[in-house]
């Protein structure tokens, strides 16, 4: 019989570019991962944090296990890749292109690729989604939030699909970027599916923008990025979180400096990370603290090592 650690080594060894992970195999202990500290689920934005949104679900899961993470905000790309989406298969490649004004041929190719993806999404079976979820559930990693890119350009049928996919994965919310006017439309689907949407605000997001979205739909919520909030609003997000905690699906944990300052290692900026974590802990709010790794990797280190430090920082803050 192979131990879980030995199985983990074999899984990682089979993944492209994962030799570094194999060398760190101790994360594959007999017990399941646990990153819920003092009642607060500390999670990761994946596979974004690993530097590749198109990373496979298997490699994404392996890296989460290596870091001992038991809850995540998962981008839709690994799931759709597992399901065999046309985008993941590499079709519609001409839809890409560099910067600048797209040529008529590029515009046509993008429309064709979007239509192909739309048709695929409306026909795909949820049975294979259940298989994806089972793999993560069996490993002890809960998919709490599913992040979608480009949701505002999707058809009504695709938006329904997004909520159904997330529900099948066991998620309690979806997330996306915030376009205030468009949150009215998305909110209608959220209310129908009775699933929260956490709108992610960057540095230019203001409390009033979220509050407008809240007014449009009961299930419109906020994904409050602590670092962006501090850098863009030059104030603490704590009062906003306190006032609207029942609308907050998750926070993004990063450290930035005031006045649109840079991302820095945890504890070196002006972001009240510890205070936010301890508030969620003390109030027992069901808000995931999702680490979003964006500060420059220091010389001699790497993303995985730095994320391990971020997780430990959160754990220490929560006591």
Protein backbone atom coordinates (compact mmCIF):
# COMPACT_ATOMS: atom_id res chain seq x y z
CA UNK A 1 0.00 0.00 0.00
CA UNK A 2 1.27 3.46 -0.89
CA UNK A 3 1.02 6.21 1.67
CA UNK A 4 -0.71 9.46 0.77
CA UNK A 5 2.67 11.14 0.65
CA UNK A 6 3.97 8.54 -1.81
CA UNK A 7 0.85 8.90 -3.95
CA UNK A 8 1.34 12.67 -3.87
CA UNK A 9 4.89 12.27 -5.13
CA UNK A 10 3.71 10.12 -8.01
CA UNK A 11 0.95 12.60 -8.94
CA UNK A 12 3.31 15.54 -8.85
CA UNK A 13 6.03 13.74 -10.75
CA UNK A 14 3.55 13.18 -13.58
CA UNK A 15 2.77 16.89 -13.87
CA UNK A 16 4.79 19.03 -16.29
CA UNK A 17 7.28 21.34 -14.63
CA UNK A 18 6.57 20.02 -11.17
CA UNK A 19 9.98 18.74 -10.11
CA UNK A 20 10.20 21.50 -7.52
CA UNK A 21 6.91 20.31 -6.03
CA UNK A 22 8.17 16.74 -5.74
CA UNK A 23 11.11 18.00 -3.75
CA UNK A 24 8.65 19.48 -1.26
CA UNK A 25 6.52 16.38 -0.87
CA UNK A 26 6.17 16.62 2.97
CA UNK A 27 2.97 18.62 2.41
CA UNK A 28 1.34 15.34 1.40
CA UNK A 29 0.91 14.08 4.93
CA UNK A 30 -1.53 11.37 5.96
CA UNK A 31 -4.06 13.94 7.19
CA UNK A 32 -6.13 16.08 4.87
CA UNK A 33 -5.10 19.72 4.42
CA UNK A 34 -6.33 22.25 6.96
CA UNK A 35 -6.13 25.98 6.49
CA UNK A 36 -9.13 26.89 8.59
CA UNK A 37 -7.67 28.66 11.59
CA UNK A 38 -9.77 29.73 14.59
CA UNK A 39 -12.87 29.31 12.46
CA UNK A 40 -11.60 31.42 9.55
CA UNK A 41 -11.10 29.68 6.22
CA UNK A 42 -7.82 30.91 4.77
CA UNK A 43 -7.76 30.13 1.08
CA UNK A 44 -6.01 30.89 -2.19
CA UNK A 45 -7.04 32.44 -5.50
CA UNK A 46 -6.06 29.58 -7.81
CA UNK A 47 -4.54 28.92 -10.23
CA UNK A 48 -3.99 32.70 -10.46
CA UNK A 49 -1.61 32.57 -7.50
CA UNK A 50 0.49 30.00 -9.34
CA UNK A 51 1.02 32.34 -12.28
CA UNK A 52 -1.06 30.50 -14.86
CA UNK A 53 -4.86 30.67 -15.08
CA UNK A 54 -4.79 27.84 -17.63
CA UNK A 55 -3.07 25.38 -15.28
CA UNK A 56 -4.81 22.01 -15.18
CA UNK A 57 -7.12 21.12 -12.34
CA UNK A 58 -4.82 18.28 -11.28
CA UNK A 59 -1.73 20.45 -10.96
CA UNK A 60 -3.71 23.19 -9.26
CA UNK A 61 -5.01 20.69 -6.72
CA UNK A 62 -1.54 19.23 -6.18
CA UNK A 63 -0.12 22.65 -5.38
CA UNK A 64 -2.98 23.41 -2.99
CA UNK A 65 -2.29 20.16 -1.19
CA UNK A 66 1.40 20.92 -1.00
CA UNK A 67 0.57 24.18 0.76
CA UNK A 68 -1.96 22.50 3.05
CA UNK A 69 -4.85 24.62 1.79
CA UNK A 70 -8.38 23.35 2.39
CA UNK A 71 -10.49 26.05 0.69
CA UNK A 72 -10.12 28.02 -2.52
CA UNK A 73 -11.49 30.55 -4.94
CA UNK A 74 -11.10 28.59 -8.16
CA UNK A 75 -11.01 30.15 -11.62
CA UNK A 76 -13.28 28.53 -14.18
CA UNK A 77 -10.50 27.75 -16.68
CA UNK A 78 -9.19 24.55 -15.00
CA UNK A 79 -12.75 23.23 -14.72
CA UNK A 80 -13.64 23.99 -18.32
CA UNK A 81 -10.31 22.56 -19.43
CA UNK A 82 -11.16 19.33 -17.61
CA UNK A 83 -14.53 19.32 -19.34
CA UNK A 84 -12.91 19.67 -22.76
CA UNK A 85 -13.87 23.21 -23.71
CA UNK A 86 -12.94 24.41 -27.22
CA UNK A 87 -10.81 27.18 -25.69
CA UNK A 88 -8.78 24.65 -23.70
CA UNK A 89 -8.38 22.46 -26.77
CA UNK A 90 -6.61 25.34 -28.49
CA UNK A 91 -9.26 25.99 -31.10
CA UNK A 92 -10.00 29.59 -31.95
CA UNK A 93 -6.33 30.49 -31.52
CA UNK A 94 -6.67 33.14 -34.21
CA UNK A 95 -9.04 34.91 -31.87
CA UNK A 96 -6.05 36.13 -29.92
CA UNK A 97 -3.65 38.70 -31.23
CA UNK A 98 -1.47 41.27 -29.62
CA UNK A 99 -2.21 44.83 -28.61
CA UNK A 100 -3.57 47.52 -30.87
CA UNK A 101 -6.68 47.58 -33.02
CA UNK A 102 -7.69 44.08 -34.13
CA UNK A 103 -7.94 43.38 -37.84
CA UNK A 104 -11.31 42.42 -39.39
CA UNK A 105 -10.05 38.85 -39.58
CA UNK A 106 -9.19 38.85 -35.88
CA UNK A 107 -12.60 40.29 -34.99
CA UNK A 108 -14.31 37.60 -37.03
CA UNK A 109 -12.17 34.88 -35.48
CA UNK A 110 -12.97 36.10 -31.96
CA UNK A 111 -16.68 36.12 -32.68
CA UNK A 112 -16.48 32.61 -34.10
CA UNK A 113 -14.52 31.37 -31.07
CA UNK A 114 -16.98 33.00 -28.67
CA UNK A 115 -19.91 31.41 -30.48
CA UNK A 116 -18.22 28.00 -30.44
CA UNK A 117 -17.64 28.32 -26.71
CA UNK A 118 -21.23 29.49 -26.14
CA UNK A 119 -22.64 26.47 -27.96
CA UNK A 120 -20.34 24.14 -26.05
CA UNK A 121 -21.28 25.61 -22.67
CA UNK A 122 -24.99 25.22 -23.34
CA UNK A 123 -24.54 21.55 -24.23
CA UNK A 124 -21.94 20.32 -21.73
CA UNK A 125 -23.06 17.75 -19.18
CA UNK A 126 -22.72 18.42 -15.47
CA UNK A 127 -21.88 14.75 -14.83
CA UNK A 128 -18.21 15.33 -15.54
CA UNK A 129 -18.30 18.41 -13.29
CA UNK A 130 -19.34 16.11 -10.47
CA UNK A 131 -16.26 13.99 -11.16
CA UNK A 132 -14.08 17.10 -10.94
CA UNK A 133 -15.67 18.07 -7.64
CA UNK A 134 -15.29 14.56 -6.21
CA UNK A 135 -11.55 14.63 -6.82
CA UNK A 136 -11.24 17.89 -4.86
CA UNK A 137 -13.65 16.80 -2.14
CA UNK A 138 -11.79 13.52 -1.68
CA UNK A 139 -8.53 15.45 -1.34
CA UNK A 140 -10.07 17.72 1.30
CA UNK A 141 -10.03 20.96 -0.67
CA UNK A 142 -13.36 22.77 -0.85
CA UNK A 143 -14.20 24.93 -3.86
CA UNK A 144 -16.06 27.75 -2.11
CA UNK A 145 -16.05 30.38 -4.86
CA UNK A 146 -15.79 30.07 -8.65
CA UNK A 147 -14.26 33.05 -10.49
CA UNK A 148 -15.38 33.91 -14.02
CA UNK A 149 -13.58 36.16 -16.47
CA UNK A 150 -15.56 37.96 -19.17
CA UNK A 151 -18.97 37.17 -17.68
CA UNK A 152 -20.52 40.46 -18.82
CA UNK A 153 -20.07 39.52 -22.47
CA UNK A 154 -21.80 36.16 -22.02
CA UNK A 155 -25.27 35.31 -23.25
CA UNK A 156 -28.11 34.72 -20.78
CA UNK A 157 -27.76 30.98 -21.31
CA UNK A 158 -24.05 31.10 -20.50
CA UNK A 159 -24.66 33.05 -17.31
CA UNK A 160 -27.16 30.42 -16.21
CA UNK A 161 -24.49 27.85 -17.01
CA UNK A 162 -21.97 29.72 -14.81
CA UNK A 163 -24.23 29.53 -11.78
CA UNK A 164 -25.14 25.89 -12.47
CA UNK A 165 -21.48 24.96 -12.85
CA UNK A 166 -20.58 26.67 -9.58
CA UNK A 167 -23.46 25.01 -7.75
CA UNK A 168 -22.44 21.60 -9.10
CA UNK A 169 -18.90 22.21 -7.84
CA UNK A 170 -20.33 22.83 -4.37
CA UNK A 171 -19.52 26.54 -4.34
CA UNK A 172 -21.51 29.00 -2.27
CA UNK A 173 -20.73 31.99 -4.52
CA UNK A 174 -19.31 33.08 -7.83
CA UNK A 175 -17.01 36.04 -8.33
CA UNK A 176 -16.13 38.38 -11.17
CA UNK A 177 -14.75 41.84 -11.80
CA UNK A 178 -17.02 44.78 -11.05
CA UNK A 179 -18.78 46.79 -13.75
CA UNK A 180 -21.43 48.60 -11.74
CA UNK A 181 -24.01 49.03 -14.50
CA UNK A 182 -23.70 45.37 -15.46
CA UNK A 183 -24.21 44.15 -11.90
CA UNK A 184 -27.93 44.80 -12.36
CA UNK A 185 -28.14 42.11 -15.06
CA UNK A 186 -25.89 39.61 -13.28
CA UNK A 187 -27.79 40.24 -10.06
CA UNK A 188 -31.03 39.05 -11.64
CA UNK A 189 -29.43 35.67 -12.30
CA UNK A 190 -27.93 35.62 -8.81
CA UNK A 191 -31.36 36.16 -7.27
CA UNK A 192 -32.89 33.46 -9.47
CA UNK A 193 -30.19 30.94 -8.51
CA UNK A 194 -30.05 32.21 -4.91
CA UNK A 195 -26.26 32.30 -5.10
CA UNK A 196 -24.10 35.26 -4.10
CA UNK A 197 -21.88 37.11 -6.54
CA UNK A 198 -18.75 38.66 -5.07
CA UNK A 199 -17.81 41.62 -7.27
CA UNK A 200 -14.08 42.22 -7.12
CA UNK A 201 -13.02 45.82 -6.76
CA UNK A 202 -9.60 47.09 -7.73
CA UNK A 203 -7.97 50.24 -6.38
CA UNK A 204 -10.54 52.50 -8.08
CA UNK A 205 -13.48 50.75 -6.45
CA UNK A 206 -15.33 52.80 -3.84
CA UNK A 207 -17.83 51.74 -1.19
CA UNK A 208 -20.54 53.59 -3.12
CA UNK A 209 -19.96 51.37 -6.16
CA UNK A 210 -20.61 48.21 -4.16
CA UNK A 211 -23.58 49.77 -2.42
CA UNK A 212 -25.11 50.58 -5.80
CA UNK A 213 -24.66 46.94 -6.83
CA UNK A 214 -26.23 45.85 -3.54
CA UNK A 215 -29.31 47.95 -4.35
CA UNK A 216 -29.85 46.09 -7.63
CA UNK A 217 -30.16 42.55 -6.28
CA UNK A 218 -30.38 40.69 -2.97
CA UNK A 219 -27.58 38.30 -3.94
CA UNK A 220 -25.18 40.95 -5.24
CA UNK A 221 -22.18 40.96 -2.92
CA UNK A 222 -18.61 42.10 -2.54
CA UNK A 223 -15.20 40.53 -2.86
CA UNK A 224 -13.29 43.14 -0.89
CA UNK A 225 -9.61 43.27 -1.76
CA UNK A 226 -7.96 44.61 1.38
CA UNK A 227 -4.84 45.85 -0.37
CA UNK A 228 -6.63 47.52 -3.26
CA UNK A 229 -9.08 49.17 -0.85
CA UNK A 230 -6.28 50.69 1.20
CA UNK A 231 -4.24 51.78 -1.81
CA UNK A 232 -7.19 53.29 -3.68
CA UNK A 233 -9.29 54.77 -0.88
CA UNK A 234 -6.47 55.70 1.50
CA UNK A 235 -8.43 54.32 4.41
CA UNK A 236 -9.12 51.07 6.19
CA UNK A 237 -11.67 48.60 4.78
CA UNK A 238 -12.68 47.54 8.30
CA UNK A 239 -15.70 49.90 8.61
CA UNK A 240 -17.04 48.81 5.22
CA UNK A 241 -16.59 45.13 6.07
CA UNK A 242 -18.32 45.66 9.41
CA UNK A 243 -21.26 47.48 7.85
CA UNK A 244 -21.77 45.07 4.96
CA UNK A 245 -20.43 41.76 6.31
CA UNK A 246 -23.58 39.91 5.24
CA UNK A 247 -22.86 40.91 1.63
CA UNK A 248 -19.20 39.97 1.59
CA UNK A 249 -18.47 36.61 -0.02
CA UNK A 250 -14.73 36.72 0.61
CA UNK A 251 -11.87 39.11 1.06
CA UNK A 252 -8.67 39.13 -0.94
CA UNK A 253 -5.70 39.24 1.40
CA UNK A 254 -2.72 41.18 0.16
CA UNK A 255 -0.59 43.99 1.58
CA UNK A 256 -0.25 47.34 -0.17
CA UNK A 257 0.81 50.81 0.85
CA UNK A 258 -1.41 53.88 0.94
CA UNK A 259 -1.70 56.39 -1.93
CA UNK A 260 -1.82 53.73 -4.66
CA UNK A 261 1.33 52.19 -3.23
CA UNK A 262 2.90 48.91 -4.34
CA UNK A 263 2.18 45.34 -3.29
CA UNK A 264 4.62 44.24 -0.58
CA UNK A 265 5.19 41.11 1.54
CA UNK A 266 2.63 40.64 4.28
CA UNK A 267 3.31 42.88 7.26
CA UNK A 268 5.33 45.47 5.33
CA UNK A 269 2.47 47.62 4.02
CA UNK A 270 -0.38 49.72 5.38
CA UNK A 271 -3.12 47.10 5.00
CA UNK A 272 -4.83 45.98 8.25
CA UNK A 273 -4.59 42.28 7.44
CA UNK A 274 -4.44 41.12 11.06
CA UNK A 275 -7.32 43.35 12.10
CA UNK A 276 -9.53 42.10 9.26
CA UNK A 277 -8.78 38.45 9.99
CA UNK A 278 -9.38 38.88 13.70
CA UNK A 279 -12.65 40.72 13.05
CA UNK A 280 -13.92 37.82 10.92
CA UNK A 281 -12.74 35.40 13.60
CA UNK A 282 -14.36 37.25 16.50
CA UNK A 283 -17.66 37.85 14.69
CA UNK A 284 -17.71 34.30 13.27
CA UNK A 285 -18.65 35.61 9.83
CA UNK A 286 -18.55 33.01 6.99
CA UNK A 287 -16.09 35.05 4.92
CA UNK A 288 -13.18 33.28 3.25
CA UNK A 289 -9.83 35.05 3.62
CA UNK A 290 -8.46 34.41 0.15
CA UNK A 291 -4.76 35.11 -0.29
CA UNK A 292 -4.07 36.77 -3.63
CA UNK A 293 -0.35 36.63 -4.29
CA UNK A 294 0.86 39.73 -6.13
CA UNK A 295 4.02 41.09 -4.51
CA UNK A 296 7.35 40.53 -6.32
CA UNK A 297 9.07 37.27 -5.46
CA UNK A 298 12.24 38.12 -3.50
CA UNK A 299 15.59 36.92 -4.89
CA UNK A 300 16.34 33.33 -3.89
CA UNK A 301 12.69 32.49 -3.26
CA UNK A 302 9.73 31.36 -5.37
CA UNK A 303 5.95 31.65 -5.42
CA UNK A 304 5.29 28.50 -3.43
CA UNK A 305 7.69 29.46 -0.66
CA UNK A 306 6.21 32.96 -0.46
CA UNK A 307 2.66 31.68 -0.35
CA UNK A 308 3.61 29.36 2.48
CA UNK A 309 4.82 32.46 4.35
CA UNK A 310 1.52 34.24 3.60
CA UNK A 311 -0.49 31.32 4.96
CA UNK A 312 1.67 31.22 8.09
CA UNK A 313 1.21 34.97 8.55
CA UNK A 314 -2.56 34.54 8.48
CA UNK A 315 -2.40 31.57 10.83
CA UNK A 316 -0.29 33.52 13.32
CA UNK A 317 -2.65 36.50 13.11
CA UNK A 318 -5.58 34.27 13.98
CA UNK A 319 -3.82 32.75 16.94
